[in-house]
């Protein structure tokens, strides 16, 4: 069984037992969260597609980690003008484990 869900403006294909890194969720470590923006659910040959969401479908996940990604450096440079700007950015993320899919 698998599902395609949307969270943080991105879409993910998940199965029970998968771990993935998503945009930050406002949840504590070890808590379970029900994600209800499910776009599609596949179970063997049966395929359910939402328009755009499947009503009543949820994906239950457990929060494993709240952290920040590696630093990404952004550099702006203008030739012959002595303009050089260097900035760093660390994006917040949440690592989750998919527990179950209810369709």
PDB file of N, CA and C in Angstrom:
ATOM      1  N   UNK A   1       0.850  -1.172   0.000  1.00  0.00           N
ATOM      2  CA  UNK A   1       0.000   0.000   0.000  1.00  0.00           C
ATOM      3  C   UNK A   1       0.895   1.234   0.000  1.00  0.00           C
ATOM      4  N   UNK A   2       0.485   2.247  -0.734  1.00  0.00           N
ATOM      5  CA  UNK A   2       1.221   3.503  -0.771  1.00  0.00           C
ATOM      6  C   UNK A   2       0.238   4.647  -0.920  1.00  0.00           C
ATOM      7  N   UNK A   3       0.720   5.842  -0.633  1.00  0.00           N
ATOM      8  CA  UNK A   3      -0.108   7.036  -0.754  1.00  0.00           C
ATOM      9  C   UNK A   3       0.764   8.175  -1.244  1.00  0.00           C
ATOM     10  N   UNK A   4       0.137   9.123  -1.902  1.00  0.00           N
ATOM     11  CA  UNK A   4       0.806  10.362  -2.280  1.00  0.00           C
ATOM     12  C   UNK A   4       0.159  11.461  -1.457  1.00  0.00           C
ATOM     13  N   UNK A   5       0.984  12.116  -0.637  1.00  0.00           N
ATOM     14  CA  UNK A   5       0.454  13.167   0.229  1.00  0.00           C
ATOM     15  C   UNK A   5       1.169  14.473  -0.049  1.00  0.00           C
ATOM     16  N   UNK A   6       0.522  15.542   0.372  1.00  0.00           N
ATOM     17  CA  UNK A   6       1.073  16.877   0.182  1.00  0.00           C
ATOM     18  C   UNK A   6       1.273  17.515   1.547  1.00  0.00           C
ATOM     19  N   UNK A   7       2.482  18.023   1.766  1.00  0.00           N
ATOM     20  CA  UNK A   7       2.782  18.767   2.979  1.00  0.00           C
ATOM     21  C   UNK A   7       3.923  19.719   2.699  1.00  0.00           C
ATOM     22  N   UNK A   8       3.828  20.914   3.200  1.00  0.00           N
ATOM     23  CA  UNK A   8       4.873  21.906   2.991  1.00  0.00           C
ATOM     24  C   UNK A   8       5.023  22.333   1.544  1.00  0.00           C
ATOM     25  N   UNK A   9       3.953  22.227   0.753  1.00  0.00           N
ATOM     26  CA  UNK A   9       4.004  22.632  -0.644  1.00  0.00           C
ATOM     27  C   UNK A   9       4.671  21.617  -1.556  1.00  0.00           C
ATOM     28  N   UNK A  10       4.971  20.426  -1.034  1.00  0.00           N
ATOM     29  CA  UNK A  10       5.611  19.377  -1.826  1.00  0.00           C
ATOM     30  C   UNK A  10       4.788  18.098  -1.733  1.00  0.00           C
ATOM     31  N   UNK A  11       4.976  17.212  -2.706  1.00  0.00           N
ATOM     32  CA  UNK A  11       4.265  15.943  -2.734  1.00  0.00           C
ATOM     33  C   UNK A  11       5.243  14.801  -2.517  1.00  0.00           C
ATOM     34  N   UNK A  12       4.821  13.810  -1.720  1.00  0.00           N
ATOM     35  CA  UNK A  12       5.670  12.679  -1.381  1.00  0.00           C
ATOM     36  C   UNK A  12       4.904  11.379  -1.599  1.00  0.00           C
ATOM     37  N   UNK A  13       5.593  10.360  -2.114  1.00  0.00           N
ATOM     38  CA  UNK A  13       5.038   9.008  -2.226  1.00  0.00           C
ATOM     39  C   UNK A  13       5.542   8.230  -1.023  1.00  0.00           C
ATOM     40  N   UNK A  14       4.621   7.763  -0.174  1.00  0.00           N
ATOM     41  CA  UNK A  14       4.997   7.116   1.075  1.00  0.00           C
ATOM     42  C   UNK A  14       4.328   5.756   1.198  1.00  0.00           C
ATOM     43  N   UNK A  15       4.986   4.870   1.933  1.00  0.00           N
ATOM     44  CA  UNK A  15       4.466   3.561   2.307  1.00  0.00           C
ATOM     45  C   UNK A  15       4.661   3.412   3.807  1.00  0.00           C
ATOM     46  N   UNK A  16       3.907   2.518   4.461  1.00  0.00           N
ATOM     47  CA  UNK A  16       4.122   2.312   5.896  1.00  0.00           C
ATOM     48  C   UNK A  16       5.555   1.846   6.168  1.00  0.00           C
ATOM     49  N   UNK A  17       6.181   2.478   7.170  1.00  0.00           N
ATOM     50  CA  UNK A  17       7.557   2.156   7.524  1.00  0.00           C
ATOM     51  C   UNK A  17       8.587   3.086   6.918  1.00  0.00           C
ATOM     52  N   UNK A  18       8.205   3.912   5.952  1.00  0.00           N
ATOM     53  CA  UNK A  18       9.143   4.848   5.324  1.00  0.00           C
ATOM     54  C   UNK A  18       9.510   5.965   6.301  1.00  0.00           C
ATOM     55  N   UNK A  19      10.743   6.450   6.200  1.00  0.00           N
ATOM     56  CA  UNK A  19      11.144   7.662   6.907  1.00  0.00           C
ATOM     57  C   UNK A  19      11.522   8.697   5.870  1.00  0.00           C
ATOM     58  N   UNK A  20      11.115   9.932   6.098  1.00  0.00           N
ATOM     59  CA  UNK A  20      11.446  10.986   5.152  1.00  0.00           C
ATOM     60  C   UNK A  20      11.573  12.312   5.877  1.00  0.00           C
ATOM     61  N   UNK A  21      12.188  13.261   5.197  1.00  0.00           N
ATOM     62  CA  UNK A  21      12.454  14.588   5.727  1.00  0.00           C
ATOM     63  C   UNK A  21      11.529  15.564   5.012  1.00  0.00           C
ATOM     64  N   UNK A  22      10.691  16.251   5.778  1.00  0.00           N
ATOM     65  CA  UNK A  22       9.721  17.180   5.205  1.00  0.00           C
ATOM     66  C   UNK A  22       9.932  18.562   5.810  1.00  0.00           C
ATOM     67  N   UNK A  23       9.219  19.541   5.294  1.00  0.00           N
ATOM     68  CA  UNK A  23       9.255  20.878   5.868  1.00  0.00           C
ATOM     69  C   UNK A  23       8.754  20.817   7.311  1.00  0.00           C
ATOM     70  N   UNK A  24       9.176  21.758   8.116  1.00  0.00           N
ATOM     71  CA  UNK A  24       8.943  21.711   9.554  1.00  0.00           C
ATOM     72  C   UNK A  24       7.462  21.645   9.909  1.00  0.00           C
ATOM     73  N   UNK A  25       7.128  20.694  10.804  1.00  0.00           N
ATOM     74  CA  UNK A  25       5.800  20.581  11.383  1.00  0.00           C
ATOM     75  C   UNK A  25       5.855  21.096  12.814  1.00  0.00           C
ATOM     76  N   UNK A  26       4.780  21.690  13.266  1.00  0.00           N
ATOM     77  CA  UNK A  26       4.710  22.178  14.642  1.00  0.00           C
ATOM     78  C   UNK A  26       4.245  21.034  15.538  1.00  0.00           C
ATOM     79  N   UNK A  27       5.169  20.096  15.830  1.00  0.00           N
ATOM     80  CA  UNK A  27       4.855  18.940  16.665  1.00  0.00           C
ATOM     81  C   UNK A  27       6.094  18.577  17.471  1.00  0.00           C
ATOM     82  N   UNK A  28       5.873  17.992  18.650  1.00  0.00           N
ATOM     83  CA  UNK A  28       6.974  17.593  19.511  1.00  0.00           C
ATOM     84  C   UNK A  28       7.512  16.227  19.097  1.00  0.00           C
ATOM     85  N   UNK A  29       8.716  15.910  19.584  1.00  0.00           N
ATOM     86  CA  UNK A  29       9.329  14.624  19.286  1.00  0.00           C
ATOM     87  C   UNK A  29       8.496  13.490  19.869  1.00  0.00           C
ATOM     88  N   UNK A  30       8.346  12.422  19.095  1.00  0.00           N
ATOM     89  CA  UNK A  30       7.634  11.243  19.558  1.00  0.00           C
ATOM     90  C   UNK A  30       6.128  11.299  19.413  1.00  0.00           C
ATOM     91  N   UNK A  31       5.559  12.444  19.042  1.00  0.00           N
ATOM     92  CA  UNK A  31       4.111  12.536  18.903  1.00  0.00           C
ATOM     93  C   UNK A  31       3.679  12.000  17.545  1.00  0.00           C
ATOM     94  N   UNK A  32       2.429  11.570  17.462  1.00  0.00           N
ATOM     95  CA  UNK A  32       1.877  11.118  16.193  1.00  0.00           C
ATOM     96  C   UNK A  32       1.029  12.234  15.610  1.00  0.00           C
ATOM     97  N   UNK A  33       1.135  12.391  14.303  1.00  0.00           N
ATOM     98  CA  UNK A  33       0.425  13.447  13.591  1.00  0.00           C
ATOM     99  C   UNK A  33      -0.343  12.790  12.448  1.00  0.00           C
ATOM    100  N   UNK A  34      -1.575  13.218  12.231  1.00  0.00           N
ATOM    101  CA  UNK A  34      -2.382  12.724  11.121  1.00  0.00           C
ATOM    102  C   UNK A  34      -2.334  13.756   9.999  1.00  0.00           C
ATOM    103  N   UNK A  35      -1.763  13.374   8.861  1.00  0.00           N
ATOM    104  CA  UNK A  35      -1.718  14.250   7.688  1.00  0.00           C
ATOM    105  C   UNK A  35      -2.904  13.894   6.804  1.00  0.00           C
ATOM    106  N   UNK A  36      -3.764  14.889   6.533  1.00  0.00           N
ATOM    107  CA  UNK A  36      -5.010  14.599   5.827  1.00  0.00           C
ATOM    108  C   UNK A  36      -5.034  15.083   4.380  1.00  0.00           C
ATOM    109  N   UNK A  37      -3.964  15.667   3.895  1.00  0.00           N
ATOM    110  CA  UNK A  37      -3.930  16.112   2.496  1.00  0.00           C
ATOM    111  C   UNK A  37      -3.391  14.978   1.630  1.00  0.00           C
ATOM    112  N   UNK A  38      -4.231  13.961   1.424  1.00  0.00           N
ATOM    113  CA  UNK A  38      -3.867  12.772   0.664  1.00  0.00           C
ATOM    114  C   UNK A  38      -4.427  12.913  -0.749  1.00  0.00           C
ATOM    115  N   UNK A  39      -3.555  12.816  -1.748  1.00  0.00           N
ATOM    116  CA  UNK A  39      -3.953  13.005  -3.137  1.00  0.00           C
ATOM    117  C   UNK A  39      -4.316  11.688  -3.830  1.00  0.00           C
ATOM    118  N   UNK A  40      -3.632  10.596  -3.450  1.00  0.00           N
ATOM    119  CA  UNK A  40      -3.867   9.315  -4.108  1.00  0.00           C
ATOM    120  C   UNK A  40      -3.486   8.189  -3.170  1.00  0.00           C
ATOM    121  N   UNK A  41      -4.223   7.070  -3.248  1.00  0.00           N
ATOM    122  CA  UNK A  41      -3.915   5.881  -2.465  1.00  0.00           C
ATOM    123  C   UNK A  41      -3.940   4.683  -3.398  1.00  0.00           C
ATOM    124  N   UNK A  42      -2.875   3.872  -3.343  1.00  0.00           N
ATOM    125  CA  UNK A  42      -2.808   2.658  -4.147  1.00  0.00           C
ATOM    126  C   UNK A  42      -2.643   1.454  -3.244  1.00  0.00           C
ATOM    127  N   UNK A  43      -3.447   0.408  -3.498  1.00  0.00           N
ATOM    128  CA  UNK A  43      -3.375  -0.823  -2.712  1.00  0.00           C
ATOM    129  C   UNK A  43      -3.477  -1.993  -3.669  1.00  0.00           C
ATOM    130  N   UNK A  44      -2.338  -2.517  -4.088  1.00  0.00           N
ATOM    131  CA  UNK A  44      -2.339  -3.599  -5.066  1.00  0.00           C
ATOM    132  C   UNK A  44      -2.816  -3.088  -6.410  1.00  0.00           C
ATOM    133  N   UNK A  45      -3.921  -3.650  -6.900  1.00  0.00           N
ATOM    134  CA  UNK A  45      -4.483  -3.199  -8.175  1.00  0.00           C
ATOM    135  C   UNK A  45      -5.466  -2.051  -8.009  1.00  0.00           C
ATOM    136  N   UNK A  46      -5.961  -1.838  -6.781  1.00  0.00           N
ATOM    137  CA  UNK A  46      -6.933  -0.769  -6.537  1.00  0.00           C
ATOM    138  C   UNK A  46      -6.207   0.569  -6.420  1.00  0.00           C
ATOM    139  N   UNK A  47      -6.734   1.563  -7.116  1.00  0.00           N
ATOM    140  CA  UNK A  47      -6.137   2.888  -7.114  1.00  0.00           C
ATOM    141  C   UNK A  47      -7.241   3.920  -6.903  1.00  0.00           C
ATOM    142  N   UNK A  48      -7.100   4.749  -5.874  1.00  0.00           N
ATOM    143  CA  UNK A  48      -8.070   5.795  -5.588  1.00  0.00           C
ATOM    144  C   UNK A  48      -7.400   7.141  -5.780  1.00  0.00           C
ATOM    145  N   UNK A  49      -7.975   7.953  -6.655  1.00  0.00           N
ATOM    146  CA  UNK A  49      -7.422   9.264  -6.963  1.00  0.00           C
ATOM    147  C   UNK A  49      -8.410  10.313  -6.483  1.00  0.00           C
ATOM    148  N   UNK A  50      -7.921  11.316  -5.762  1.00  0.00           N
ATOM    149  CA  UNK A  50      -8.776  12.378  -5.256  1.00  0.00           C
ATOM    150  C   UNK A  50      -8.983  13.476  -6.271  1.00  0.00           C
ATOM    151  N   UNK A  51      -9.948  14.347  -5.990  1.00  0.00           N
ATOM    152  CA  UNK A  51     -10.237  15.471  -6.878  1.00  0.00           C
ATOM    153  C   UNK A  51     -10.269  16.776  -6.094  1.00  0.00           C
ATOM    154  N   UNK A  52      -9.239  17.394  -5.655  1.00  0.00           N
ATOM    155  CA  UNK A  52      -7.855  16.934  -5.675  1.00  0.00           C
ATOM    156  C   UNK A  52      -7.492  16.069  -4.481  1.00  0.00           C
ATOM    157  N   UNK A  53      -8.313  16.087  -3.387  1.00  0.00           N
ATOM    158  CA  UNK A  53      -7.999  15.311  -2.189  1.00  0.00           C
ATOM    159  C   UNK A  53      -8.997  14.181  -2.008  1.00  0.00           C
ATOM    160  N   UNK A  54      -8.582  13.137  -1.313  1.00  0.00           N
ATOM    161  CA  UNK A  54      -9.475  12.036  -0.952  1.00  0.00           C
ATOM    162  C   UNK A  54     -10.074  12.374   0.404  1.00  0.00           C
ATOM    163  N   UNK A  55     -11.386  12.490   0.460  1.00  0.00           N
ATOM    164  CA  UNK A  55     -12.028  12.853   1.722  1.00  0.00           C
ATOM    165  C   UNK A  55     -11.977  11.667   2.683  1.00  0.00           C
ATOM    166  N   UNK A  56     -11.587  11.935   3.910  1.00  0.00           N
ATOM    167  CA  UNK A  56     -11.521  10.898   4.936  1.00  0.00           C
ATOM    168  C   UNK A  56     -10.227  10.107   4.964  1.00  0.00           C
ATOM    169  N   UNK A  57      -9.334  10.317   4.026  1.00  0.00           N
ATOM    170  CA  UNK A  57      -8.068   9.593   4.001  1.00  0.00           C
ATOM    171  C   UNK A  57      -7.035  10.325   4.840  1.00  0.00           C
ATOM    172  N   UNK A  58      -6.294   9.574   5.651  1.00  0.00           N
ATOM    173  CA  UNK A  58      -5.241  10.155   6.469  1.00  0.00           C
ATOM    174  C   UNK A  58      -4.006   9.273   6.444  1.00  0.00           C
ATOM    175  N   UNK A  59      -2.871   9.894   6.636  1.00  0.00           N
ATOM    176  CA  UNK A  59      -1.605   9.188   6.798  1.00  0.00           C
ATOM    177  C   UNK A  59      -1.101   9.539   8.192  1.00  0.00           C
ATOM    178  N   UNK A  60      -0.925   8.525   9.044  1.00  0.00           N
ATOM    179  CA  UNK A  60      -0.476   8.732  10.412  1.00  0.00           C
ATOM    180  C   UNK A  60       1.033   8.587  10.464  1.00  0.00           C
ATOM    181  N   UNK A  61       1.704   9.613  10.996  1.00  0.00           N
ATOM    182  CA  UNK A  61       3.165   9.629  11.054  1.00  0.00           C
ATOM    183  C   UNK A  61       3.616   9.908  12.486  1.00  0.00           C
ATOM    184  N   UNK A  62       4.847   9.497  12.795  1.00  0.00           N
ATOM    185  CA  UNK A  62       5.475   9.766  14.078  1.00  0.00           C
ATOM    186  C   UNK A  62       6.655  10.690  13.848  1.00  0.00           C
ATOM    187  N   UNK A  63       6.773  11.736  14.657  1.00  0.00           N
ATOM    188  CA  UNK A  63       7.870  12.696  14.534  1.00  0.00           C
ATOM    189  C   UNK A  63       9.111  12.096  15.191  1.00  0.00           C
ATOM    190  N   UNK A  64      10.181  11.938  14.410  1.00  0.00           N
ATOM    191  CA  UNK A  64      11.422  11.363  14.907  1.00  0.00           C
ATOM    192  C   UNK A  64      12.457  12.422  15.262  1.00  0.00           C
ATOM    193  N   UNK A  65      12.461  13.552  14.533  1.00  0.00           N
ATOM    194  CA  UNK A  65      13.526  14.528  14.714  1.00  0.00           C
ATOM    195  C   UNK A  65      13.064  15.894  14.230  1.00  0.00           C
ATOM    196  N   UNK A  66      13.460  16.927  14.958  1.00  0.00           N
ATOM    197  CA  UNK A  66      13.274  18.320  14.534  1.00  0.00           C
ATOM    198  C   UNK A  66      14.680  18.917  14.459  1.00  0.00           C
ATOM    199  N   UNK A  67      15.095  19.360  13.283  1.00  0.00           N
ATOM    200  CA  UNK A  67      16.468  19.822  13.144  1.00  0.00           C
ATOM    201  C   UNK A  67      16.551  20.850  12.029  1.00  0.00           C
ATOM    202  N   UNK A  68      17.784  21.249  11.707  1.00  0.00           N
ATOM    203  CA  UNK A  68      18.040  22.181  10.613  1.00  0.00           C
ATOM    204  C   UNK A  68      18.981  21.509   9.627  1.00  0.00           C
ATOM    205  N   UNK A  69      18.807  21.819   8.368  1.00  0.00           N
ATOM    206  CA  UNK A  69      19.632  21.234   7.313  1.00  0.00           C
ATOM    207  C   UNK A  69      21.010  21.872   7.303  1.00  0.00           C
ATOM    208  N   UNK A  70      21.886  21.357   6.439  1.00  0.00           N
ATOM    209  CA  UNK A  70      23.216  21.941   6.289  1.00  0.00           C
ATOM    210  C   UNK A  70      23.096  23.355   5.740  1.00  0.00           C
ATOM    211  N   UNK A  71      24.105  24.155   6.007  1.00  0.00           N
ATOM    212  CA  UNK A  71      24.080  25.545   5.566  1.00  0.00           C
ATOM    213  C   UNK A  71      24.274  25.637   4.056  1.00  0.00           C
ATOM    214  N   UNK A  72      23.445  26.448   3.428  1.00  0.00           N
ATOM    215  CA  UNK A  72      23.539  26.737   2.001  1.00  0.00           C
ATOM    216  C   UNK A  72      24.026  28.174   1.879  1.00  0.00           C
ATOM    217  N   UNK A  73      25.084  28.369   1.131  1.00  0.00           N
ATOM    218  CA  UNK A  73      25.644  29.703   0.968  1.00  0.00           C
ATOM    219  C   UNK A  73      25.075  30.356  -0.297  1.00  0.00           C
ATOM    220  N   UNK A  74      24.645  31.597  -0.159  1.00  0.00           N
ATOM    221  CA  UNK A  74      24.146  32.384  -1.289  1.00  0.00           C
ATOM    222  C   UNK A  74      25.092  33.550  -1.494  1.00  0.00           C
ATOM    223  N   UNK A  75      25.611  33.673  -2.693  1.00  0.00           N
ATOM    224  CA  UNK A  75      26.594  34.709  -2.989  1.00  0.00           C
ATOM    225  C   UNK A  75      26.061  35.598  -4.102  1.00  0.00           C
ATOM    226  N   UNK A  76      26.105  36.917  -3.865  1.00  0.00           N
ATOM    227  CA  UNK A  76      25.719  37.881  -4.898  1.00  0.00           C
ATOM    228  C   UNK A  76      26.966  38.669  -5.255  1.00  0.00           C
ATOM    229  N   UNK A  77      27.199  38.856  -6.536  1.00  0.00           N
ATOM    230  CA  UNK A  77      28.440  39.471  -7.000  1.00  0.00           C
ATOM    231  C   UNK A  77      28.135  40.328  -8.220  1.00  0.00           C
ATOM    232  N   UNK A  78      28.680  41.537  -8.242  1.00  0.00           N
ATOM    233  CA  UNK A  78      28.555  42.389  -9.421  1.00  0.00           C
ATOM    234  C   UNK A  78      29.958  42.747  -9.892  1.00  0.00           C
ATOM    235  N   UNK A  79      30.228  42.463 -11.134  1.00  0.00           N
ATOM    236  CA  UNK A  79      31.569  42.688 -11.676  1.00  0.00           C
ATOM    237  C   UNK A  79      31.907  44.172 -11.727  1.00  0.00           C
ATOM    238  N   UNK A  80      33.133  44.497 -11.414  1.00  0.00           N
ATOM    239  CA  UNK A  80      33.714  45.842 -11.512  1.00  0.00           C
ATOM    240  C   UNK A  80      33.069  46.873 -10.592  1.00  0.00           C
ATOM    241  N   UNK A  81      32.220  46.457  -9.663  1.00  0.00           N
ATOM    242  CA  UNK A  81      31.543  47.409  -8.777  1.00  0.00           C
ATOM    243  C   UNK A  81      31.903  47.185  -7.310  1.00  0.00           C
ATOM    244  N   UNK A  82      32.735  46.201  -7.015  1.00  0.00           N
ATOM    245  CA  UNK A  82      33.153  45.855  -5.666  1.00  0.00           C
ATOM    246  C   UNK A  82      31.939  45.546  -4.780  1.00  0.00           C
ATOM    247  N   UNK A  83      30.958  44.832  -5.355  1.00  0.00           N
ATOM    248  CA  UNK A  83      29.784  44.406  -4.610  1.00  0.00           C
ATOM    249  C   UNK A  83      29.865  42.895  -4.445  1.00  0.00           C
ATOM    250  N   UNK A  84      30.031  42.471  -3.212  1.00  0.00           N
ATOM    251  CA  UNK A  84      30.090  41.049  -2.900  1.00  0.00           C
ATOM    252  C   UNK A  84      29.320  40.825  -1.603  1.00  0.00           C
ATOM    253  N   UNK A  85      28.253  40.027  -1.659  1.00  0.00           N
ATOM    254  CA  UNK A  85      27.443  39.730  -0.485  1.00  0.00           C
ATOM    255  C   UNK A  85      27.384  38.219  -0.336  1.00  0.00           C
ATOM    256  N   UNK A  86      27.736  37.734   0.836  1.00  0.00           N
ATOM    257  CA  UNK A  86      27.719  36.297   1.108  1.00  0.00           C
ATOM    258  C   UNK A  86      26.803  36.060   2.302  1.00  0.00           C
ATOM    259  N   UNK A  87      25.773  35.226   2.091  1.00  0.00           N
ATOM    260  CA  UNK A  87      24.808  34.935   3.149  1.00  0.00           C
ATOM    261  C   UNK A  87      24.644  33.429   3.282  1.00  0.00           C
ATOM    262  N   UNK A  88      24.357  32.988   4.479  1.00  0.00           N
ATOM    263  CA  UNK A  88      24.095  31.574   4.724  1.00  0.00           C
ATOM    264  C   UNK A  88      22.654  31.380   5.164  1.00  0.00           C
ATOM    265  N   UNK A  89      22.124  30.175   4.893  1.00  0.00           N
ATOM    266  CA  UNK A  89      20.751  29.853   5.270  1.00  0.00           C
ATOM    267  C   UNK A  89      20.672  28.393   5.687  1.00  0.00           C
ATOM    268  N   UNK A  90      20.000  28.126   6.808  1.00  0.00           N
ATOM    269  CA  UNK A  90      19.766  26.760   7.258  1.00  0.00           C
ATOM    270  C   UNK A  90      18.262  26.554   7.376  1.00  0.00           C
ATOM    271  N   UNK A  91      17.726  25.622   6.585  1.00  0.00           N
ATOM    272  CA  UNK A  91      16.291  25.367   6.551  1.00  0.00           C
ATOM    273  C   UNK A  91      15.891  24.408   7.674  1.00  0.00           C
ATOM    274  N   UNK A  92      14.800  24.709   8.367  1.00  0.00           N
ATOM    275  CA  UNK A  92      14.250  23.806   9.377  1.00  0.00           C
ATOM    276  C   UNK A  92      13.563  22.636   8.692  1.00  0.00           C
ATOM    277  N   UNK A  93      13.670  21.438   9.281  1.00  0.00           N
ATOM    278  CA  UNK A  93      12.974  20.277   8.735  1.00  0.00           C
ATOM    279  C   UNK A  93      12.526  19.362   9.865  1.00  0.00           C
ATOM    280  N   UNK A  94      11.636  18.434   9.527  1.00  0.00           N
ATOM    281  CA  UNK A  94      11.134  17.429  10.449  1.00  0.00           C
ATOM    282  C   UNK A  94      11.327  16.065   9.804  1.00  0.00           C
ATOM    283  N   UNK A  95      11.945  15.137  10.530  1.00  0.00           N
ATOM    284  CA  UNK A  95      12.084  13.766  10.049  1.00  0.00           C
ATOM    285  C   UNK A  95      10.934  12.962  10.631  1.00  0.00           C
ATOM    286  N   UNK A  96      10.182  12.259   9.761  1.00  0.00           N
ATOM    287  CA  UNK A  96       9.000  11.507  10.196  1.00  0.00           C
ATOM    288  C   UNK A  96       9.110  10.058   9.758  1.00  0.00           C
ATOM    289  N   UNK A  97       8.348   9.193  10.432  1.00  0.00           N
ATOM    290  CA  UNK A  97       8.189   7.790  10.041  1.00  0.00           C
ATOM    291  C   UNK A  97       6.710   7.548   9.788  1.00  0.00           C
ATOM    292  N   UNK A  98       6.379   6.956   8.650  1.00  0.00           N
ATOM    293  CA  UNK A  98       4.995   6.686   8.285  1.00  0.00           C
ATOM    294  C   UNK A  98       4.545   5.429   9.027  1.00  0.00           C
ATOM    295  N   UNK A  99       3.491   5.542   9.830  1.00  0.00           N
ATOM    296  CA  UNK A  99       2.990   4.406  10.586  1.00  0.00           C
ATOM    297  C   UNK A  99       1.888   3.665   9.844  1.00  0.00           C
ATOM    298  N   UNK A 100       0.876   4.388   9.368  1.00  0.00           N
ATOM    299  CA  UNK A 100      -0.231   3.730   8.699  1.00  0.00           C
ATOM    300  C   UNK A 100      -0.901   4.664   7.704  1.00  0.00           C
ATOM    301  N   UNK A 101      -1.631   4.044   6.771  1.00  0.00           N
ATOM    302  CA  UNK A 101      -2.385   4.777   5.748  1.00  0.00           C
ATOM    303  C   UNK A 101      -3.829   4.309   5.844  1.00  0.00           C
ATOM    304  N   UNK A 102      -4.745   5.224   6.092  1.00  0.00           N
ATOM    305  CA  UNK A 102      -6.180   4.907   6.132  1.00  0.00           C
ATOM    306  C   UNK A 102      -6.874   5.599   4.983  1.00  0.00           C
ATOM    307  N   UNK A 103      -7.557   4.823   4.174  1.00  0.00           N
ATOM    308  CA  UNK A 103      -8.229   5.406   3.008  1.00  0.00           C
ATOM    309  C   UNK A 103      -9.740   5.313   3.182  1.00  0.00           C
TER     310      UNK A 103
END
